[in-house]
C-alpha atoms as a PDB file:
ATOM      1  CA  MET A   1      26.337  24.413   1.777  1.00  0.00           C
ATOM      2  CA  ARG A   2      23.896  24.373  -1.421  1.00  0.00           C
ATOM      3  CA  ALA A   3      23.103  21.962  -4.011  1.00  0.00           C
ATOM      4  CA  PRO A   4      22.192  22.126  -7.513  1.00  0.00           C
ATOM      5  CA  ALA A   5      18.397  20.476  -7.001  1.00  0.00           C
ATOM      6  CA  SER A   6      16.980  18.123  -4.735  1.00  0.00           C
ATOM      7  CA  ARG A   7      15.602  15.021  -4.933  1.00  0.00           C
ATOM      8  CA  LEU A   8      12.797  12.119  -4.429  1.00  0.00           C
ATOM      9  CA  ALA A   9      14.999  10.486  -2.034  1.00  0.00           C
ATOM     10  CA  GLY A  10      11.742   8.305   0.644  1.00  0.00           C
ATOM     11  CA  LEU A  11       8.244   8.459   0.249  1.00  0.00           C
ATOM     12  CA  GLY A  12       6.413   6.690   2.633  1.00  0.00           C
ATOM     13  CA  HIS A  13       2.090   6.972   3.626  1.00  0.00           C
ATOM     14  CA  ALA A  14       0.356   5.468   6.139  1.00  0.00           C
ATOM     15  CA  VAL A  15      -3.571   4.964   6.178  1.00  0.00           C
ATOM     16  CA  PRO A  16      -6.223   4.034   9.413  1.00  0.00           C
ATOM     17  CA  GLN A  17      -7.753   0.170   9.506  1.00  0.00           C
ATOM     18  CA  ARG A  18     -10.908   0.337   9.850  1.00  0.00           C
ATOM     19  CA  ARG A  19     -11.840   0.646   6.175  1.00  0.00           C
ATOM     20  CA  VAL A  20     -15.376   1.845   5.918  1.00  0.00           C
ATOM     21  CA  GLU A  21     -17.196   0.681   2.159  1.00  0.00           C
ATOM     22  CA  ASN A  22     -20.343   2.773  -0.112  1.00  0.00           C
ATOM     23  CA  ALA A  23     -23.098   0.590   1.898  1.00  0.00           C
ATOM     24  CA  GLU A  24     -22.523   1.970   5.082  1.00  0.00           C
ATOM     25  CA  VAL A  25     -22.766   5.537   4.576  1.00  0.00           C
ATOM     26  CA  GLU A  26     -25.269   5.207   1.729  1.00  0.00           C
ATOM     27  CA  GLN A  27     -27.431   3.390   4.032  1.00  0.00           C
ATOM     28  CA  ARG A  28     -26.706   6.660   6.912  1.00  0.00           C
ATOM     29  CA  LEU A  29     -27.570   9.150   4.308  1.00  0.00           C
ATOM     30  CA  GLY A  30     -30.599   7.189   2.872  1.00  0.00           C
ATOM     31  CA  LEU A  31     -29.262   6.867  -0.944  1.00  0.00           C
ATOM     32  CA  GLU A  32     -29.680   4.001  -3.526  1.00  0.00           C
ATOM     33  CA  PRO A  33     -27.146   1.460  -3.112  1.00  0.00           C
ATOM     34  CA  GLY A  34     -24.601   2.321  -5.602  1.00  0.00           C
ATOM     35  CA  TRP A  35     -25.105   6.478  -5.804  1.00  0.00           C
ATOM     36  CA  ILE A  36     -21.920   7.100  -4.219  1.00  0.00           C
ATOM     37  CA  GLU A  37     -19.832   5.748  -6.466  1.00  0.00           C
ATOM     38  CA  ARG A  38     -21.819   6.783  -9.385  1.00  0.00           C
ATOM     39  CA  ARG A  39     -21.300  10.768  -8.295  1.00  0.00           C
ATOM     40  CA  THR A  40     -17.886  10.184  -7.163  1.00  0.00           C
ATOM     41  CA  GLY A  41     -15.442   7.136  -8.246  1.00  0.00           C
ATOM     42  CA  ILE A  42     -15.496   6.055  -4.479  1.00  0.00           C
ATOM     43  CA  ARG A  43     -15.246   3.032  -2.864  1.00  0.00           C
ATOM     44  CA  ALA A  44     -14.423   2.665   0.083  1.00  0.00           C
ATOM     45  CA  ARG A  45     -12.818   5.263   2.308  1.00  0.00           C
ATOM     46  CA  ARG A  46     -10.602   5.061   6.000  1.00  0.00           C
ATOM     47  CA  TRP A  47     -12.115   6.478   8.753  1.00  0.00           C
ATOM     48  CA  ALA A  48      -9.890   7.046  12.446  1.00  0.00           C
ATOM     49  CA  GLU A  49     -10.810   5.739  15.531  1.00  0.00           C
ATOM     50  CA  PRO A  50     -11.238   8.108  17.788  1.00  0.00           C
ATOM     51  CA  ALA A  51      -8.057   7.993  19.877  1.00  0.00           C
ATOM     52  CA  GLN A  52      -6.214   7.595  16.688  1.00  0.00           C
ATOM     53  CA  LYS A  53      -4.168  11.128  16.720  1.00  0.00           C
ATOM     54  CA  LEU A  54      -2.837  12.875  13.819  1.00  0.00           C
ATOM     55  CA  THR A  55       0.382  13.406  14.656  1.00  0.00           C
ATOM     56  CA  GLU A  56       0.523   9.274  15.272  1.00  0.00           C
ATOM     57  CA  LEU A  57      -0.808   8.251  11.898  1.00  0.00           C
ATOM     58  CA  ALA A  58       0.989  10.935   9.909  1.00  0.00           C
ATOM     59  CA  GLY A  59       4.514   9.644  12.494  1.00  0.00           C
ATOM     60  CA  GLN A  60       4.028   6.437   9.525  1.00  0.00           C
ATOM     61  CA  ALA A  61       4.086   7.256   6.701  1.00  0.00           C
ATOM     62  CA  ALA A  62       7.661   9.824   7.970  1.00  0.00           C
ATOM     63  CA  VAL A  63       8.834   6.839   9.258  1.00  0.00           C
ATOM     64  CA  MET A  64       8.139   4.807   5.979  1.00  0.00           C
ATOM     65  CA  ALA A  65       9.908   7.872   3.798  1.00  0.00           C
ATOM     66  CA  LEU A  66      12.762   8.242   6.178  1.00  0.00           C
ATOM     67  CA  GLU A  67      13.664   3.911   6.228  1.00  0.00           C
ATOM     68  CA  SER A  68      12.833   3.761   2.958  1.00  0.00           C
ATOM     69  CA  ALA A  69      15.709   7.253   2.012  1.00  0.00           C
ATOM     70  CA  GLY A  70      18.010   5.799   3.381  1.00  0.00           C
ATOM     71  CA  VAL A  71      18.947  10.118   4.628  1.00  0.00           C
ATOM     72  CA  ALA A  72      19.475   9.942   8.660  1.00  0.00           C
ATOM     73  CA  ARG A  73      17.757  11.346  10.836  1.00  0.00           C
ATOM     74  CA  ALA A  74      20.556  14.673  11.907  1.00  0.00           C
ATOM     75  CA  GLU A  75      20.287  15.158   8.211  1.00  0.00           C
ATOM     76  CA  VAL A  76      16.953  16.123   7.498  1.00  0.00           C
ATOM     77  CA  GLY A  77      16.809  20.032   8.260  1.00  0.00           C
ATOM     78  CA  LEU A  78      13.792  20.868   7.950  1.00  0.00           C
ATOM     79  CA  THR A  79      10.014  19.251   8.431  1.00  0.00           C
ATOM     80  CA  LEU A  80       6.976  20.238   6.974  1.00  0.00           C
ATOM     81  CA  LEU A  81       3.169  19.655   7.949  1.00  0.00           C
ATOM     82  CA  ALA A  82       1.035  19.513   5.621  1.00  0.00           C
ATOM     83  CA  THR A  83      -2.362  19.825   7.715  1.00  0.00           C
ATOM     84  CA  SER A  84      -5.840  21.085   8.000  1.00  0.00           C
ATOM     85  CA  THR A  85      -6.685  19.131  11.435  1.00  0.00           C
ATOM     86  CA  PRO A  86      -3.932  18.786  13.907  1.00  0.00           C
ATOM     87  CA  ASP A  87      -3.163  17.731  17.326  1.00  0.00           C
ATOM     88  CA  HIS A  88      -4.507  21.001  18.570  1.00  0.00           C
ATOM     89  CA  LEU A  89      -5.320  24.454  17.172  1.00  0.00           C
ATOM     90  CA  LEU A  90      -2.394  25.447  19.321  1.00  0.00           C
ATOM     91  CA  PRO A  91       0.597  24.804  19.535  1.00  0.00           C
ATOM     92  CA  PRO A  92       1.731  23.703  15.869  1.00  0.00           C
ATOM     93  CA  SER A  93       1.728  19.691  15.462  1.00  0.00           C
ATOM     94  CA  ALA A  94       5.117  19.846  13.472  1.00  0.00           C
ATOM     95  CA  PRO A  95       7.875  20.065  16.562  1.00  0.00           C
ATOM     96  CA  LEU A  96       6.066  17.530  18.385  1.00  0.00           C
ATOM     97  CA  LEU A  97       6.354  15.366  15.152  1.00  0.00           C
ATOM     98  CA  THR A  98       9.734  16.210  14.932  1.00  0.00           C
ATOM     99  CA  HIS A  99      10.807  15.332  18.299  1.00  0.00           C
ATOM    100  CA  ARG A 100       8.871  11.980  18.025  1.00  0.00           C
ATOM    101  CA  LEU A 101      10.446  11.330  14.695  1.00  0.00           C
ATOM    102  CA  ARG A 102      14.323  12.158  16.798  1.00  0.00           C
ATOM    103  CA  LEU A 103      14.535  14.538  13.343  1.00  0.00           C
ATOM    104  CA  SER A 104      17.282  16.642  16.701  1.00  0.00           C
ATOM    105  CA  ASN A 105      18.600  18.979  13.559  1.00  0.00           C
ATOM    106  CA  SER A 106      15.103  19.587  11.885  1.00  0.00           C
ATOM    107  CA  GLY A 107      13.080  23.456  11.882  1.00  0.00           C
ATOM    108  CA  ALA A 108       9.205  22.646  11.690  1.00  0.00           C
ATOM    109  CA  ILE A 109       6.246  24.435  11.130  1.00  0.00           C
ATOM    110  CA  ASP A 110       2.230  23.138   9.856  1.00  0.00           C
ATOM    111  CA  LEU A 111       1.406  24.515   6.612  1.00  0.00           C
ATOM    112  CA  THR A 112      -2.103  25.106   6.481  1.00  0.00           C
ATOM    113  CA  GLY A 113      -2.921  25.031   2.606  1.00  0.00           C
ATOM    114  CA  ALA A 114      -6.540  22.407   2.318  1.00  0.00           C
ATOM    115  CA  CYS A 115      -6.190  20.342  -0.588  1.00  0.00           C
ATOM    116  CA  ALA A 116      -3.036  21.758  -2.317  1.00  0.00           C
ATOM    117  CA  GLY A 117      -0.979  21.628   1.147  1.00  0.00           C
ATOM    118  CA  PHE A 118       1.528  19.993  -0.465  1.00  0.00           C
ATOM    119  CA  LEU A 119       1.887  21.236  -3.037  1.00  0.00           C
ATOM    120  CA  TYR A 120       3.074  24.493  -1.248  1.00  0.00           C
ATOM    121  CA  ALA A 121       4.982  22.679   1.165  1.00  0.00           C
ATOM    122  CA  LEU A 122       6.884  21.035  -1.432  1.00  0.00           C
ATOM    123  CA  THR A 123       7.397  24.086  -3.382  1.00  0.00           C
ATOM    124  CA  LEU A 124       9.055  25.987  -0.244  1.00  0.00           C
ATOM    125  CA  ALA A 125      11.251  22.057   0.147  1.00  0.00           C
ATOM    126  CA  ASP A 126      13.022  22.347  -2.955  1.00  0.00           C
ATOM    127  CA  GLY A 127      13.616  26.090  -2.271  1.00  0.00           C
ATOM    128  CA  PHE A 128      14.871  24.834   0.641  1.00  0.00           C
ATOM    129  CA  VAL A 129      17.247  21.864  -0.330  1.00  0.00           C
ATOM    130  CA  ARG A 130      18.704  24.041  -2.801  1.00  0.00           C
ATOM    131  CA  THR A 131      19.374  26.991  -0.849  1.00  0.00           C
ATOM    132  CA  GLN A 132      20.468  25.706   1.981  1.00  0.00           C
ATOM    133  CA  GLY A 133      22.239  21.934   0.947  1.00  0.00           C
ATOM    134  CA  LYS A 134      19.623  20.103   3.625  1.00  0.00           C
ATOM    135  CA  ALA A 135      17.321  17.404   3.832  1.00  0.00           C
ATOM    136  CA  VAL A 136      13.493  17.826   3.933  1.00  0.00           C
ATOM    137  CA  LEU A 137      10.683  16.022   5.527  1.00  0.00           C
ATOM    138  CA  VAL A 138       7.450  17.220   3.683  1.00  0.00           C
ATOM    139  CA  VAL A 139       4.326  15.566   5.668  1.00  0.00           C
ATOM    140  CA  ALA A 140       0.585  15.987   4.731  1.00  0.00           C
ATOM    141  CA  ALA A 141      -2.080  14.771   7.056  1.00  0.00           C
ATOM    142  CA  ASN A 142      -5.461  14.598   7.163  1.00  0.00           C
ATOM    143  CA  LEU A 143      -8.295  13.464   9.730  1.00  0.00           C
ATOM    144  CA  LEU A 144     -10.871  14.234   7.564  1.00  0.00           C
ATOM    145  CA  SER A 145     -13.581  12.143   9.660  1.00  0.00           C
ATOM    146  CA  ARG A 146     -13.418  14.379  13.158  1.00  0.00           C
ATOM    147  CA  ARG A 147     -15.075  17.125  10.366  1.00  0.00           C
ATOM    148  CA  ILE A 148     -17.204  14.926   8.385  1.00  0.00           C
ATOM    149  CA  ASN A 149     -21.360  16.905   9.302  1.00  0.00           C
ATOM    150  CA  PRO A 150     -23.073  13.609   8.936  1.00  0.00           C
ATOM    151  CA  ALA A 151     -26.035  15.390   8.372  1.00  0.00           C
ATOM    152  CA  GLU A 152     -24.735  16.236   4.902  1.00  0.00           C
ATOM    153  CA  THR A 153     -24.016  14.400   2.396  1.00  0.00           C
ATOM    154  CA  ALA A 154     -21.436  16.004   0.408  1.00  0.00           C
ATOM    155  CA  SER A 155     -19.385  15.947   2.693  1.00  0.00           C
ATOM    156  CA  SER A 156     -20.152  12.756   4.293  1.00  0.00           C
ATOM    157  CA  ILE A 157     -19.780  10.615   1.672  1.00  0.00           C
ATOM    158  CA  LEU A 158     -15.918  12.170   0.370  1.00  0.00           C
ATOM    159  CA  PHE A 159     -13.218  13.318   2.703  1.00  0.00           C
ATOM    160  CA  ALA A 160     -11.008  10.369   4.569  1.00  0.00           C
ATOM    161  CA  ASP A 161      -8.220   9.532   6.535  1.00  0.00           C
ATOM    162  CA  ALA A 162      -4.723   9.068   5.525  1.00  0.00           C
ATOM    163  CA  ALA A 163      -1.396  10.403   5.600  1.00  0.00           C
ATOM    164  CA  GLY A 164       1.946  10.875   2.713  1.00  0.00           C
ATOM    165  CA  ALA A 165       5.198  11.897   3.029  1.00  0.00           C
ATOM    166  CA  VAL A 166       8.095  12.482   1.125  1.00  0.00           C
ATOM    167  CA  LEU A 167      11.744  12.706   1.962  1.00  0.00           C
ATOM    168  CA  LEU A 168      13.499  15.185  -0.140  1.00  0.00           C
ATOM    169  CA  ALA A 169      17.082  15.371  -0.564  1.00  0.00           C
ATOM    170  CA  PRO A 170      19.924  16.920  -2.181  1.00  0.00           C
ATOM    171  CA  SER A 171      20.685  15.733  -5.586  1.00  0.00           C
ATOM    172  CA  ARG A 172      23.927  16.239  -8.150  1.00  0.00           C
ATOM    173  CA  SER A 173      22.000  16.162 -10.924  1.00  0.00           C
ATOM    174  CA  PRO A 174      20.638  19.610 -12.067  1.00  0.00           C
ATOM    175  CA  ALA A 175      17.487  18.485 -13.852  1.00  0.00           C
ATOM    176  CA  SER A 176      15.961  16.755 -10.974  1.00  0.00           C
ATOM    177  CA  GLY A 177      13.390  18.296  -8.981  1.00  0.00           C
ATOM    178  CA  VAL A 178      11.381  20.631  -9.881  1.00  0.00           C
ATOM    179  CA  ARG A 179      10.771  22.032 -12.691  1.00  0.00           C
ATOM    180  CA  SER A 180       8.282  24.552 -12.808  1.00  0.00           C
ATOM    181  CA  VAL A 181       5.360  25.295 -10.356  1.00  0.00           C
ATOM    182  CA  ASP A 182       2.815  27.403 -10.379  1.00  0.00           C
ATOM    183  CA  LEU A 183       0.546  28.491  -8.140  1.00  0.00           C
ATOM    184  CA  ALA A 184      -2.736  30.168  -7.467  1.00  0.00           C
ATOM    185  CA  SER A 185      -5.991  31.469  -5.360  1.00  0.00           C
ATOM    186  CA  ASP A 186      -8.975  32.658  -6.055  1.00  0.00           C
ATOM    187  CA  GLY A 187     -10.876  34.223  -2.884  1.00  0.00           C
ATOM    188  CA  SER A 188     -13.501  35.178  -4.569  1.00  0.00           C
ATOM    189  CA  GLN A 189     -14.464  32.062  -3.813  1.00  0.00           C
ATOM    190  CA  TYR A 190     -13.824  31.283  -0.656  1.00  0.00           C
ATOM    191  CA  ASP A 191     -16.872  29.568   1.340  1.00  0.00           C
ATOM    192  CA  LEU A 192     -17.221  26.644  -0.951  1.00  0.00           C
ATOM    193  CA  ILE A 193     -16.037  24.600   1.565  1.00  0.00           C
ATOM    194  CA  SER A 194     -15.181  25.541   5.138  1.00  0.00           C
ATOM    195  CA  ILE A 195     -16.219  25.924   8.689  1.00  0.00           C
ATOM    196  CA  ALA A 196     -18.111  28.363  10.018  1.00  0.00           C
ATOM    197  CA  ALA A 197     -16.636  28.308  13.311  1.00  0.00           C
ATOM    198  CA  GLY A 198     -13.439  28.062  15.347  1.00  0.00           C
ATOM    199  CA  GLY A 199     -11.538  30.982  14.122  1.00  0.00           C
ATOM    200  CA  SER A 200     -11.301  34.485  15.337  1.00  0.00           C
ATOM    201  CA  GLN A 201     -13.861  36.029  13.542  1.00  0.00           C
ATOM    202  CA  ARG A 202     -16.136  33.346  15.319  1.00  0.00           C
ATOM    203  CA  PRO A 203     -14.380  32.278  18.195  1.00  0.00           C
ATOM    204  CA  PHE A 204     -16.390  28.859  20.585  1.00  0.00           C
ATOM    205  CA  VAL A 205     -18.656  30.134  22.880  1.00  0.00           C
ATOM    206  CA  ALA A 206     -20.707  28.669  25.236  1.00  0.00           C
ATOM    207  CA  GLY A 207     -24.018  26.911  23.297  1.00  0.00           C
ATOM    208  CA  MET A 208     -22.730  26.734  20.553  1.00  0.00           C
ATOM    209  CA  ASP A 209     -24.318  24.985  17.610  1.00  0.00           C
ATOM    210  CA  PRO A 210     -22.027  21.888  17.011  1.00  0.00           C
ATOM    211  CA  SER A 211     -22.558  21.877  13.016  1.00  0.00           C
ATOM    212  CA  GLU A 212     -20.533  25.486  13.119  1.00  0.00           C
ATOM    213  CA  LEU A 213     -17.562  23.040  13.901  1.00  0.00           C
ATOM    214  CA  LEU A 214     -17.553  20.737  11.513  1.00  0.00           C
ATOM    215  CA  MET A 215     -17.288  21.349   7.124  1.00  0.00           C
ATOM    216  CA  THR A 216     -20.023  22.134   4.923  1.00  0.00           C
ATOM    217  CA  MET A 217     -19.865  21.768   0.365  1.00  0.00           C
ATOM    218  CA  SER A 218     -22.631  23.592  -0.191  1.00  0.00           C
ATOM    219  CA  HIS A 219     -22.107  24.923  -3.383  1.00  0.00           C
ATOM    220  CA  GLY A 220     -21.168  22.179  -5.018  1.00  0.00           C
ATOM    221  CA  ARG A 221     -21.257  22.819  -8.834  1.00  0.00           C
ATOM    222  CA  ALA A 222     -19.502  25.491  -7.978  1.00  0.00           C
ATOM    223  CA  LEU A 223     -16.646  23.973  -6.279  1.00  0.00           C
ATOM    224  CA  PHE A 224     -16.554  21.534  -8.700  1.00  0.00           C
ATOM    225  CA  ALA A 225     -16.508  23.759 -12.259  1.00  0.00           C
ATOM    226  CA  GLN A 226     -14.106  25.935 -10.192  1.00  0.00           C
ATOM    227  CA  ALA A 227     -11.950  23.348  -9.390  1.00  0.00           C
ATOM    228  CA  VAL A 228     -11.354  21.315 -12.450  1.00  0.00           C
ATOM    229  CA  ARG A 229     -11.071  25.225 -13.880  1.00  0.00           C
ATOM    230  CA  MET A 230      -7.820  25.717 -11.612  1.00  0.00           C
ATOM    231  CA  MET A 231      -6.494  22.659 -11.852  1.00  0.00           C
ATOM    232  CA  SER A 232      -6.463  22.534 -15.813  1.00  0.00           C
ATOM    233  CA  GLU A 233      -5.043  26.471 -15.776  1.00  0.00           C
ATOM    234  CA  CYS A 234      -2.300  25.616 -13.760  1.00  0.00           C
ATOM    235  CA  SER A 235      -1.271  22.165 -14.630  1.00  0.00           C
ATOM    236  CA  ALA A 236      -0.986  23.757 -18.505  1.00  0.00           C
ATOM    237  CA  ARG A 237       1.048  27.159 -17.158  1.00  0.00           C
ATOM    238  CA  ALA A 238       2.701  24.510 -15.573  1.00  0.00           C
ATOM    239  CA  LEU A 239       3.841  22.323 -18.454  1.00  0.00           C
ATOM    240  CA  ARG A 240       4.682  25.219 -20.974  1.00  0.00           C
ATOM    241  CA  GLN A 241       6.698  26.600 -17.927  1.00  0.00           C
ATOM    242  CA  ALA A 242       9.241  22.831 -18.339  1.00  0.00           C
ATOM    243  CA  GLY A 243       8.800  23.452 -22.173  1.00  0.00           C
ATOM    244  CA  LEU A 244       7.442  20.327 -22.490  1.00  0.00           C
ATOM    245  CA  ARG A 245       3.697  18.951 -24.229  1.00  0.00           C
ATOM    246  CA  ALA A 246       1.181  16.506 -22.279  1.00  0.00           C
ATOM    247  CA  GLU A 247       1.483  13.293 -24.019  1.00  0.00           C
ATOM    248  CA  GLU A 248       5.524  13.935 -22.691  1.00  0.00           C
ATOM    249  CA  ILE A 249       4.210  13.581 -18.933  1.00  0.00           C
ATOM    250  CA  ASP A 250       4.857  10.217 -17.429  1.00  0.00           C
ATOM    251  CA  ARG A 251       2.695  10.155 -14.402  1.00  0.00           C
ATOM    252  CA  PHE A 252      -0.149  12.536 -13.632  1.00  0.00           C
ATOM    253  CA  VAL A 253      -0.855  12.525  -9.612  1.00  0.00           C
ATOM    254  CA  PRO A 254      -3.846  14.497  -9.378  1.00  0.00           C
ATOM    255  CA  HIS A 255      -5.526  15.810  -5.543  1.00  0.00           C
ATOM    256  CA  GLN A 256      -7.712  12.920  -5.200  1.00  0.00           C
ATOM    257  CA  ALA A 257     -11.293  14.781  -5.396  1.00  0.00           C
ATOM    258  CA  ASN A 258     -13.708  13.111  -7.536  1.00  0.00           C
ATOM    259  CA  LEU A 259     -13.040  10.986 -10.222  1.00  0.00           C
ATOM    260  CA  ARG A 260     -15.255  12.983 -12.865  1.00  0.00           C
ATOM    261  CA  ILE A 261     -13.455  16.892 -11.870  1.00  0.00           C
ATOM    262  CA  LEU A 262      -9.807  13.851 -12.527  1.00  0.00           C
ATOM    263  CA  ASP A 263     -11.216  12.975 -15.664  1.00  0.00           C
ATOM    264  CA  ALA A 264     -12.428  16.568 -17.263  1.00  0.00           C
ATOM    265  CA  VAL A 265      -9.019  17.824 -16.370  1.00  0.00           C
ATOM    266  CA  CYS A 266      -6.781  15.202 -18.302  1.00  0.00           C
ATOM    267  CA  ALA A 267      -8.395  16.336 -20.658  1.00  0.00           C
ATOM    268  CA  ASN A 268      -8.359  19.076 -21.627  1.00  0.00           C
ATOM    269  CA  LEU A 269      -4.872  18.315 -21.079  1.00  0.00           C
ATOM    270  CA  GLY A 270      -5.238  15.611 -23.587  1.00  0.00           C
ATOM    271  CA  ILE A 271      -3.792  13.125 -21.140  1.00  0.00           C
ATOM    272  CA  ALA A 272      -4.073  10.093 -21.708  1.00  0.00           C
ATOM    273  CA  SER A 273      -6.912   7.946 -18.606  1.00  0.00           C
ATOM    274  CA  HIS A 274      -3.815   5.047 -17.892  1.00  0.00           C
ATOM    275  CA  LYS A 275      -1.042   8.156 -17.088  1.00  0.00           C
ATOM    276  CA  MET A 276      -3.432   8.759 -14.278  1.00  0.00           C
ATOM    277  CA  VAL A 277      -2.389   7.679 -10.727  1.00  0.00           C
ATOM    278  CA  GLN A 278      -5.803   6.954  -9.498  1.00  0.00           C
ATOM    279  CA  THR A 279      -6.245   5.674  -5.539  1.00  0.00           C
ATOM    280  CA  LEU A 280      -9.422   7.412  -5.104  1.00  0.00           C
ATOM    281  CA  HIS A 281     -11.470   4.396  -5.367  1.00  0.00           C
ATOM    282  CA  GLU A 282     -10.216   2.528  -2.142  1.00  0.00           C
ATOM    283  CA  PHE A 283      -9.011   5.514  -0.152  1.00  0.00           C
ATOM    284  CA  GLY A 284     -11.274   8.090  -1.029  1.00  0.00           C
ATOM    285  CA  ASN A 285     -10.580  12.380  -0.680  1.00  0.00           C
ATOM    286  CA  SER A 286      -8.563  12.875   2.239  1.00  0.00           C
ATOM    287  CA  SER A 287      -7.289  16.683   1.437  1.00  0.00           C
ATOM    288  CA  ALA A 288      -4.056  17.310   1.406  1.00  0.00           C
ATOM    289  CA  ALA A 289      -2.749  13.625   2.090  1.00  0.00           C
ATOM    290  CA  THR A 290      -3.877  12.525  -1.663  1.00  0.00           C
ATOM    291  CA  ILE A 291      -0.906  13.294  -3.831  1.00  0.00           C
ATOM    292  CA  PRO A 292       1.692  11.577  -1.114  1.00  0.00           C
ATOM    293  CA  LEU A 293      -0.218   8.800  -0.394  1.00  0.00           C
ATOM    294  CA  SER A 294      -0.699   8.695  -4.251  1.00  0.00           C
ATOM    295  CA  LEU A 295       2.510   9.160  -4.604  1.00  0.00           C
ATOM    296  CA  SER A 296       4.052   6.033  -2.555  1.00  0.00           C
ATOM    297  CA  LEU A 297       1.379   3.679  -3.684  1.00  0.00           C
ATOM    298  CA  SER A 298       1.854   4.842  -6.863  1.00  0.00           C
ATOM    299  CA  HIS A 299       5.786   4.259  -6.054  1.00  0.00           C
ATOM    300  CA  GLN A 300       5.112   0.766  -4.794  1.00  0.00           C
ATOM    301  CA  GLU A 301       3.887  -0.967  -7.356  1.00  0.00           C
ATOM    302  CA  ARG A 302       5.777   0.850 -10.396  1.00  0.00           C
ATOM    303  CA  PRO A 303       8.676   2.202  -8.383  1.00  0.00           C
ATOM    304  CA  LEU A 304      10.365   5.505 -10.270  1.00  0.00           C
ATOM    305  CA  ALA A 305      12.417   5.670 -12.544  1.00  0.00           C
ATOM    306  CA  PRO A 306      15.310   8.531 -13.330  1.00  0.00           C
ATOM    307  CA  GLY A 307      14.088  10.552 -15.723  1.00  0.00           C
ATOM    308  CA  GLU A 308      10.194  10.086 -15.550  1.00  0.00           C
ATOM    309  CA  ARG A 309       8.526  13.152 -15.586  1.00  0.00           C
ATOM    310  CA  LEU A 310       5.714  14.049 -13.114  1.00  0.00           C
ATOM    311  CA  LEU A 311       2.509  16.515 -12.768  1.00  0.00           C
ATOM    312  CA  LEU A 312       1.191  17.195  -9.880  1.00  0.00           C
ATOM    313  CA  SER A 313      -1.065  19.301  -9.528  1.00  0.00           C
ATOM    314  CA  ALA A 314      -4.400  20.180  -7.018  1.00  0.00           C
ATOM    315  CA  ALA A 315      -7.361  22.665  -5.923  1.00  0.00           C
ATOM    316  CA  GLY A 316      -9.626  22.662  -3.025  1.00  0.00           C
ATOM    317  CA  ALA A 317     -10.686  24.863   0.160  1.00  0.00           C
ATOM    318  CA  GLY A 318      -9.529  29.084  -0.313  1.00  0.00           C
ATOM    319  CA  LEU A 319     -10.330  28.705  -3.724  1.00  0.00           C
ATOM    320  CA  LEU A 320      -6.479  27.611  -3.416  1.00  0.00           C
ATOM    321  CA  GLY A 321      -4.206  25.202  -6.284  1.00  0.00           C
ATOM    322  CA  GLY A 322      -1.394  25.229  -8.348  1.00  0.00           C
ATOM    323  CA  SER A 323       0.193  22.277 -10.147  1.00  0.00           C
ATOM    324  CA  VAL A 324       4.352  21.374 -10.361  1.00  0.00           C
ATOM    325  CA  VAL A 325       6.111  19.553 -12.678  1.00  0.00           C
ATOM    326  CA  TRP A 326       8.744  17.334 -11.469  1.00  0.00           C
ATOM    327  CA  ALA A 327      11.696  15.658 -12.388  1.00  0.00           C
ATOM    328  CA  VAL A 328      12.533  12.770 -11.658  1.00  0.00           C
ATOM    329  CA  GLY A 329      16.738  12.363 -10.978  1.00  0.00           C
ATOM    330  CA  GLU A 330      20.149  10.123 -10.079  1.00  0.00           C
ATOM    331  CA  ASP A 331      20.453   9.735  -6.827  1.00  0.00           C
END
């Protein structure tokens, strides 16, 4: 049964207990005090304990979203897990997450969209709700501390562990949900963030250098410029499609990559800085998880109200990015 639109019925988030301040990272890397915050805007991040699993953290965020939505678990028709750090390379982690959540009527799939993964999942979820009339659970979660190269400054200072979740449900209000979306990719920038080995091109072999299985960011300036470009261009197109001016956006919720990137995108679009949701300072960069984490935290501080218009935007490895204009509708 089709639905006129989807709505944000529930939001949730979860982070590991261990809080790692900049001083610990700066001391290990031989950086002067305050260097990380000046370069990135980050003051602290959360890193998981060795025994913690991705699906456990994802499950905590999902439970919070499900409980806040008040939607019966049997009504969830699809679960999308956006992650770059699944429990295993095979099988996918989403079916295990769905099983643990007792979502007996839900399909499940992992999406590997790096920093933009949540936006791609949200777009697909909105379409599923509209065409099938069933609720969709979207979870974005990463344990990027497991992929940091401790010898490389660029990845060591940025990345974090977190999970965020939203539960989309059918809405009777046709003005609710995705109002416009602009997704983009640029494979010419494919290697700006990468893990050299572990895929089919360079499979695991005995004696492999462990650093080949960790993230590397060897072109930081190029990544900065490309991320600003893609987020700005996608957002401008999404705003035009929605028939909105930047000043009509109530909350700008960008991927929490680096404060300088976020400030540059705001300046390019003409969005007032007080409208930007910023969680980077406390939680760092957890890739796809940053947008739903920020949404959930912002909602806790000031509940989303009907009529609000949100602009969500991200860009990251691939190069992959996009922007979504979302309208908060009535229940």
